PDB file of N, CA and C in Angstrom:
ATOM      1  N   THR A   1       9.300  20.885 -10.991  1.00  0.00           N
ATOM      2  CA  THR A   1       9.350  19.679 -10.191  1.00  0.00           C
ATOM      3  C   THR A   1       8.378  18.669 -10.770  1.00  0.00           C
ATOM      4  N   TYR A   2       8.817  17.430 -10.908  1.00  0.00           N
ATOM      5  CA  TYR A   2       7.979  16.367 -11.454  1.00  0.00           C
ATOM      6  C   TYR A   2       7.562  15.440 -10.328  1.00  0.00           C
ATOM      7  N   TRP A   3       6.252  15.307 -10.143  1.00  0.00           N
ATOM      8  CA  TRP A   3       5.665  14.464  -9.098  1.00  0.00           C
ATOM      9  C   TRP A   3       4.798  13.392  -9.737  1.00  0.00           C
ATOM     10  N   VAL A   4       4.695  12.256  -9.056  1.00  0.00           N
ATOM     11  CA  VAL A   4       3.715  11.222  -9.384  1.00  0.00           C
ATOM     12  C   VAL A   4       2.802  11.108  -8.182  1.00  0.00           C
ATOM     13  N   LYS A   5       1.484  11.096  -8.412  1.00  0.00           N
ATOM     14  CA  LYS A   5       0.498  11.069  -7.332  1.00  0.00           C
ATOM     15  C   LYS A   5      -0.318   9.783  -7.397  1.00  0.00           C
ATOM     16  N   ASP A   6      -0.455   9.120  -6.265  1.00  0.00           N
ATOM     17  CA  ASP A   6      -1.312   7.943  -6.138  1.00  0.00           C
ATOM     18  C   ASP A   6      -2.697   8.417  -5.705  1.00  0.00           C
ATOM     19  N   PHE A   7      -3.573   8.648  -6.668  1.00  0.00           N
ATOM     20  CA  PHE A   7      -4.907   9.154  -6.362  1.00  0.00           C
ATOM     21  C   PHE A   7      -5.793   8.085  -5.738  1.00  0.00           C
ATOM     22  N   THR A   8      -5.533   6.817  -6.020  1.00  0.00           N
ATOM     23  CA  THR A   8      -6.348   5.738  -5.460  1.00  0.00           C
ATOM     24  C   THR A   8      -6.273   5.731  -3.947  1.00  0.00           C
ATOM     25  N   ASN A   9      -5.098   5.994  -3.396  1.00  0.00           N
ATOM     26  CA  ASN A   9      -4.895   5.945  -1.946  1.00  0.00           C
ATOM     27  C   ASN A   9      -4.683   7.328  -1.335  1.00  0.00           C
ATOM     28  N   ARG A  10      -5.179   8.354  -1.987  1.00  0.00           N
ATOM     29  CA  ARG A  10      -4.902   9.740  -1.576  1.00  0.00           C
ATOM     30  C   ARG A  10      -5.326  10.058  -0.148  1.00  0.00           C
ATOM     31  N   ASP A  11      -6.299   9.330   0.379  1.00  0.00           N
ATOM     32  CA  ASP A  11      -6.756   9.594   1.742  1.00  0.00           C
ATOM     33  C   ASP A  11      -5.964   8.822   2.793  1.00  0.00           C
ATOM     34  N   ASN A  12      -5.039   7.978   2.372  1.00  0.00           N
ATOM     35  CA  ASN A  12      -4.223   7.179   3.282  1.00  0.00           C
ATOM     36  C   ASN A  12      -2.761   7.548   3.084  1.00  0.00           C
ATOM     37  N   THR A  13      -2.308   8.563   3.793  1.00  0.00           N
ATOM     38  CA  THR A  13      -0.939   9.056   3.605  1.00  0.00           C
ATOM     39  C   THR A  13       0.113   8.054   4.064  1.00  0.00           C
ATOM     40  N   ASN A  14      -0.285   7.010   4.794  1.00  0.00           N
ATOM     41  CA  ASN A  14       0.650   5.962   5.220  1.00  0.00           C
ATOM     42  C   ASN A  14       0.661   4.782   4.259  1.00  0.00           C
ATOM     43  N   SER A  15       0.002   4.904   3.124  1.00  0.00           N
ATOM     44  CA  SER A  15      -0.075   3.829   2.151  1.00  0.00           C
ATOM     45  C   SER A  15       1.315   3.481   1.615  1.00  0.00           C
ATOM     46  N   THR A  16       1.540   2.188   1.400  1.00  0.00           N
ATOM     47  CA  THR A  16       2.785   1.735   0.774  1.00  0.00           C
ATOM     48  C   THR A  16       2.530   1.249  -0.658  1.00  0.00           C
ATOM     49  N   ALA A  17       1.327   1.456  -1.161  1.00  0.00           N
ATOM     50  CA  ALA A  17       0.972   0.984  -2.500  1.00  0.00           C
ATOM     51  C   ALA A  17       1.873   1.583  -3.581  1.00  0.00           C
ATOM     52  N   LEU A  18       2.171   2.860  -3.488  1.00  0.00           N
ATOM     53  CA  LEU A  18       3.026   3.493  -4.499  1.00  0.00           C
ATOM     54  C   LEU A  18       4.425   2.895  -4.467  1.00  0.00           C
ATOM     55  N   SER A  19       4.981   2.698  -3.275  1.00  0.00           N
ATOM     56  CA  SER A  19       6.336   2.140  -3.175  1.00  0.00           C
ATOM     57  C   SER A  19       6.393   0.692  -3.646  1.00  0.00           C
ATOM     58  N   ARG A  20       5.274  -0.011  -3.609  1.00  0.00           N
ATOM     59  CA  ARG A  20       5.217  -1.401  -4.063  1.00  0.00           C
ATOM     60  C   ARG A  20       4.779  -1.519  -5.523  1.00  0.00           C
ATOM     61  N   SER A  21       4.526  -0.395  -6.175  1.00  0.00           N
ATOM     62  CA  SER A  21       3.941  -0.417  -7.520  1.00  0.00           C
ATOM     63  C   SER A  21       4.911  -0.778  -8.638  1.00  0.00           C
ATOM     64  N   GLY A  22       6.197  -0.589  -8.401  1.00  0.00           N
ATOM     65  CA  GLY A  22       7.166  -0.817  -9.472  1.00  0.00           C
ATOM     66  C   GLY A  22       7.171   0.293 -10.516  1.00  0.00           C
ATOM     67  N   ALA A  23       6.629   1.453 -10.156  1.00  0.00           N
ATOM     68  CA  ALA A  23       6.530   2.579 -11.094  1.00  0.00           C
ATOM     69  C   ALA A  23       7.918   3.015 -11.575  1.00  0.00           C
ATOM     70  N   ARG A  24       7.939   3.487 -12.807  1.00  0.00           N
ATOM     71  CA  ARG A  24       9.181   3.939 -13.424  1.00  0.00           C
ATOM     72  C   ARG A  24       8.884   5.199 -14.222  1.00  0.00           C
ATOM     73  N   VAL A  25       9.815   6.157 -14.187  1.00  0.00           N
ATOM     74  CA  VAL A  25       9.718   7.380 -14.982  1.00  0.00           C
ATOM     75  C   VAL A  25      10.955   7.446 -15.869  1.00  0.00           C
ATOM     76  N   SER A  26      10.736   7.589 -17.164  1.00  0.00           N
ATOM     77  CA  SER A  26      11.826   7.738 -18.131  1.00  0.00           C
ATOM     78  C   SER A  26      11.828   9.178 -18.634  1.00  0.00           C
ATOM     79  N   VAL A  27      12.995   9.801 -18.627  1.00  0.00           N
ATOM     80  CA  VAL A  27      13.144  11.188 -19.056  1.00  0.00           C
ATOM     81  C   VAL A  27      13.959  11.203 -20.347  1.00  0.00           C
ATOM     82  N   TYR A  28      13.407  11.862 -21.346  1.00  0.00           N
ATOM     83  CA  TYR A  28      14.070  11.944 -22.647  1.00  0.00           C
ATOM     84  C   TYR A  28      14.435  13.383 -22.961  1.00  0.00           C
ATOM     85  N   ASN A  29      15.526  13.554 -23.693  1.00  0.00           N
ATOM     86  CA  ASN A  29      15.893  14.863 -24.225  1.00  0.00           C
ATOM     87  C   ASN A  29      16.100  14.713 -25.735  1.00  0.00           C
ATOM     88  N   SER A  30      16.637  15.708 -26.372  1.00  0.00           N
ATOM     89  CA  SER A  30      16.800  15.672 -27.828  1.00  0.00           C
ATOM     90  C   SER A  30      17.759  14.576 -28.291  1.00  0.00           C
ATOM     91  N   GLU A  31      18.571  14.061 -27.387  1.00  0.00           N
ATOM     92  CA  GLU A  31      19.527  13.006 -27.728  1.00  0.00           C
ATOM     93  C   GLU A  31      19.000  11.608 -27.414  1.00  0.00           C
ATOM     94  N   GLY A  32      17.834  11.530 -26.797  1.00  0.00           N
ATOM     95  CA  GLY A  32      17.274  10.228 -26.438  1.00  0.00           C
ATOM     96  C   GLY A  32      17.052  10.115 -24.943  1.00  0.00           C
ATOM     97  N   LEU A  33      17.163   8.901 -24.430  1.00  0.00           N
ATOM     98  CA  LEU A  33      16.919   8.640 -23.012  1.00  0.00           C
ATOM     99  C   LEU A  33      18.000   9.299 -22.157  1.00  0.00           C
ATOM    100  N   ALA A  34      17.578  10.164 -21.234  1.00  0.00           N
ATOM    101  CA  ALA A  34      18.525  10.877 -20.377  1.00  0.00           C
ATOM    102  C   ALA A  34      18.661  10.223 -19.006  1.00  0.00           C
ATOM    103  N   LYS A  35      17.524   9.808 -18.408  1.00  0.00           N
ATOM    104  CA  LYS A  35      17.540   9.212 -17.073  1.00  0.00           C
ATOM    105  C   LYS A  35      16.333   8.318 -16.900  1.00  0.00           C
ATOM    106  N   VAL A  36      16.477   7.346 -16.006  1.00  0.00           N
ATOM    107  CA  VAL A  36      15.357   6.493 -15.614  1.00  0.00           C
ATOM    108  C   VAL A  36      15.302   6.499 -14.089  1.00  0.00           C
ATOM    109  N   TYR A  37      14.104   6.689 -13.560  1.00  0.00           N
ATOM    110  CA  TYR A  37      13.875   6.687 -12.121  1.00  0.00           C
ATOM    111  C   TYR A  37      12.937   5.557 -11.763  1.00  0.00           C
ATOM    112  N   TYR A  38      13.205   4.907 -10.641  1.00  0.00           N
ATOM    113  CA  TYR A  38      12.331   3.871 -10.111  1.00  0.00           C
ATOM    114  C   TYR A  38      11.815   4.345  -8.760  1.00  0.00           C
ATOM    115  N   VAL A  39      10.541   4.115  -8.519  1.00  0.00           N
ATOM    116  CA  VAL A  39       9.957   4.542  -7.251  1.00  0.00           C
ATOM    117  C   VAL A  39      10.730   3.885  -6.098  1.00  0.00           C
ATOM    118  N   PRO A  40      11.010   4.632  -5.034  1.00  0.00           N
ATOM    119  CA  PRO A  40      11.678   4.026  -3.880  1.00  0.00           C
ATOM    120  C   PRO A  40      10.849   2.857  -3.350  1.00  0.00           C
ATOM    121  N   THR A  41      11.511   1.762  -3.015  1.00  0.00           N
ATOM    122  CA  THR A  41      10.796   0.561  -2.592  1.00  0.00           C
ATOM    123  C   THR A  41      10.597   0.486  -1.085  1.00  0.00           C
ATOM    124  N   SER A  42      11.062   1.468  -0.375  1.00  0.00           N
ATOM    125  CA  SER A  42      10.800   1.508   1.060  1.00  0.00           C
ATOM    126  C   SER A  42      10.183   2.860   1.391  1.00  0.00           C
ATOM    127  N   GLY A  43       9.375   2.860   2.425  1.00  0.00           N
ATOM    128  CA  GLY A  43       8.714   4.087   2.834  1.00  0.00           C
ATOM    129  C   GLY A  43       7.251   4.077   2.449  1.00  0.00           C
ATOM    130  N   SER A  44       6.581   5.120   2.857  1.00  0.00           N
ATOM    131  CA  SER A  44       5.156   5.238   2.566  1.00  0.00           C
ATOM    132  C   SER A  44       4.858   6.641   2.072  1.00  0.00           C
ATOM    133  N   GLY A  45       3.684   6.788   1.501  1.00  0.00           N
ATOM    134  CA  GLY A  45       3.253   8.081   0.993  1.00  0.00           C
ATOM    135  C   GLY A  45       2.521   7.916  -0.323  1.00  0.00           C
ATOM    136  N   THR A  46       1.777   8.924  -0.673  1.00  0.00           N
ATOM    137  CA  THR A  46       0.985   8.881  -1.900  1.00  0.00           C
ATOM    138  C   THR A  46       1.528   9.818  -2.976  1.00  0.00           C
ATOM    139  N   ARG A  47       2.663  10.458  -2.703  1.00  0.00           N
ATOM    140  CA  ARG A  47       3.292  11.346  -3.685  1.00  0.00           C
ATOM    141  C   ARG A  47       4.763  10.975  -3.822  1.00  0.00           C
ATOM    142  N   TRP A  48       5.210  10.898  -5.057  1.00  0.00           N
ATOM    143  CA  TRP A  48       6.604  10.584  -5.353  1.00  0.00           C
ATOM    144  C   TRP A  48       7.210  11.799  -6.040  1.00  0.00           C
ATOM    145  N   ASN A  49       8.129  12.469  -5.353  1.00  0.00           N
ATOM    146  CA  ASN A  49       8.854  13.608  -5.920  1.00  0.00           C
ATOM    147  C   ASN A  49      10.039  13.027  -6.677  1.00  0.00           C
ATOM    148  N   VAL A  50       9.957  13.028  -7.999  1.00  0.00           N
ATOM    149  CA  VAL A  50      10.932  12.323  -8.824  1.00  0.00           C
ATOM    150  C   VAL A  50      12.174  13.167  -9.089  1.00  0.00           C
ATOM    151  N   PHE A  51      11.993  14.378  -9.639  1.00  0.00           N
ATOM    152  CA  PHE A  51      13.144  15.234  -9.953  1.00  0.00           C
ATOM    153  C   PHE A  51      12.682  16.668 -10.122  1.00  0.00           C
ATOM    154  N   THR A  52      13.656  17.572 -10.178  1.00  0.00           N
ATOM    155  CA  THR A  52      13.389  18.959 -10.559  1.00  0.00           C
ATOM    156  C   THR A  52      14.171  19.235 -11.831  1.00  0.00           C
ATOM    157  N   LEU A  53      13.644  20.152 -12.613  1.00  0.00           N
ATOM    158  CA  LEU A  53      14.259  20.500 -13.887  1.00  0.00           C
ATOM    159  C   LEU A  53      14.444  22.011 -13.935  1.00  0.00           C
ATOM    160  N   ASN A  54      15.670  22.435 -14.189  1.00  0.00           N
ATOM    161  CA  ASN A  54      15.988  23.844 -14.306  1.00  0.00           C
ATOM    162  C   ASN A  54      16.736  24.018 -15.620  1.00  0.00           C
ATOM    163  N   GLY A  55      16.007  24.453 -16.636  1.00  0.00           N
ATOM    164  CA  GLY A  55      16.617  24.521 -17.963  1.00  0.00           C
ATOM    165  C   GLY A  55      16.861  23.114 -18.453  1.00  0.00           C
ATOM    166  N   GLU A  56      18.121  22.767 -18.655  1.00  0.00           N
ATOM    167  CA  GLU A  56      18.481  21.415 -19.071  1.00  0.00           C
ATOM    168  C   GLU A  56      19.062  20.594 -17.930  1.00  0.00           C
ATOM    169  N   THR A  57      19.097  21.163 -16.723  1.00  0.00           N
ATOM    170  CA  THR A  57      19.690  20.488 -15.572  1.00  0.00           C
ATOM    171  C   THR A  57      18.623  19.719 -14.793  1.00  0.00           C
ATOM    172  N   ILE A  58      18.810  18.408 -14.694  1.00  0.00           N
ATOM    173  CA  ILE A  58      17.933  17.548 -13.921  1.00  0.00           C
ATOM    174  C   ILE A  58      18.573  17.298 -12.572  1.00  0.00           C
ATOM    175  N   THR A  59      17.832  17.571 -11.498  1.00  0.00           N
ATOM    176  CA  THR A  59      18.308  17.297 -10.151  1.00  0.00           C
ATOM    177  C   THR A  59      17.467  16.175  -9.556  1.00  0.00           C
ATOM    178  N   ASP A  60      18.118  15.090  -9.184  1.00  0.00           N
ATOM    179  CA  ASP A  60      17.428  13.947  -8.604  1.00  0.00           C
ATOM    180  C   ASP A  60      16.852  14.309  -7.245  1.00  0.00           C
ATOM    181  N   VAL A  61      15.616  13.861  -6.986  1.00  0.00           N
ATOM    182  CA  VAL A  61      15.008  13.983  -5.666  1.00  0.00           C
ATOM    183  C   VAL A  61      14.650  12.576  -5.193  1.00  0.00           C
ATOM    184  N   ASN A  62      13.779  11.879  -5.927  1.00  0.00           N
ATOM    185  CA  ASN A  62      13.428  10.479  -5.724  1.00  0.00           C
ATOM    186  C   ASN A  62      13.041  10.126  -4.292  1.00  0.00           C
ATOM    187  N   THR A  63      12.047  10.858  -3.758  1.00  0.00           N
ATOM    188  CA  THR A  63      11.562  10.591  -2.411  1.00  0.00           C
ATOM    189  C   THR A  63      10.047  10.475  -2.399  1.00  0.00           C
ATOM    190  N   LEU A  64       9.542   9.744  -1.399  1.00  0.00           N
ATOM    191  CA  LEU A  64       8.103   9.640  -1.178  1.00  0.00           C
ATOM    192  C   LEU A  64       7.681  10.649  -0.127  1.00  0.00           C
ATOM    193  N   ALA A  65       6.461  11.143  -0.252  1.00  0.00           N
ATOM    194  CA  ALA A  65       5.914  12.119   0.691  1.00  0.00           C
ATOM    195  C   ALA A  65       4.447  11.798   0.942  1.00  0.00           C
ATOM    196  N   PRO A  66       3.935  12.183   2.113  1.00  0.00           N
ATOM    197  CA  PRO A  66       2.505  11.940   2.408  1.00  0.00           C
ATOM    198  C   PRO A  66       1.584  12.771   1.517  1.00  0.00           C
TER     199      PRO A  66
END
């Protein structure tokens, strides 16, 4: 599972800073760019669960969590 953590606001689980950050995650494989994820722009939380990886299978999650 791939997560992004907002350590600056870690004590404020209701923070919207991560959702307003414009963060992007690019995933590459041997053929090049496989997927691009953008942080959800609504909601709050200091952790962004981007995707899970099982072998070569990427499963989208793309949710914010406290």
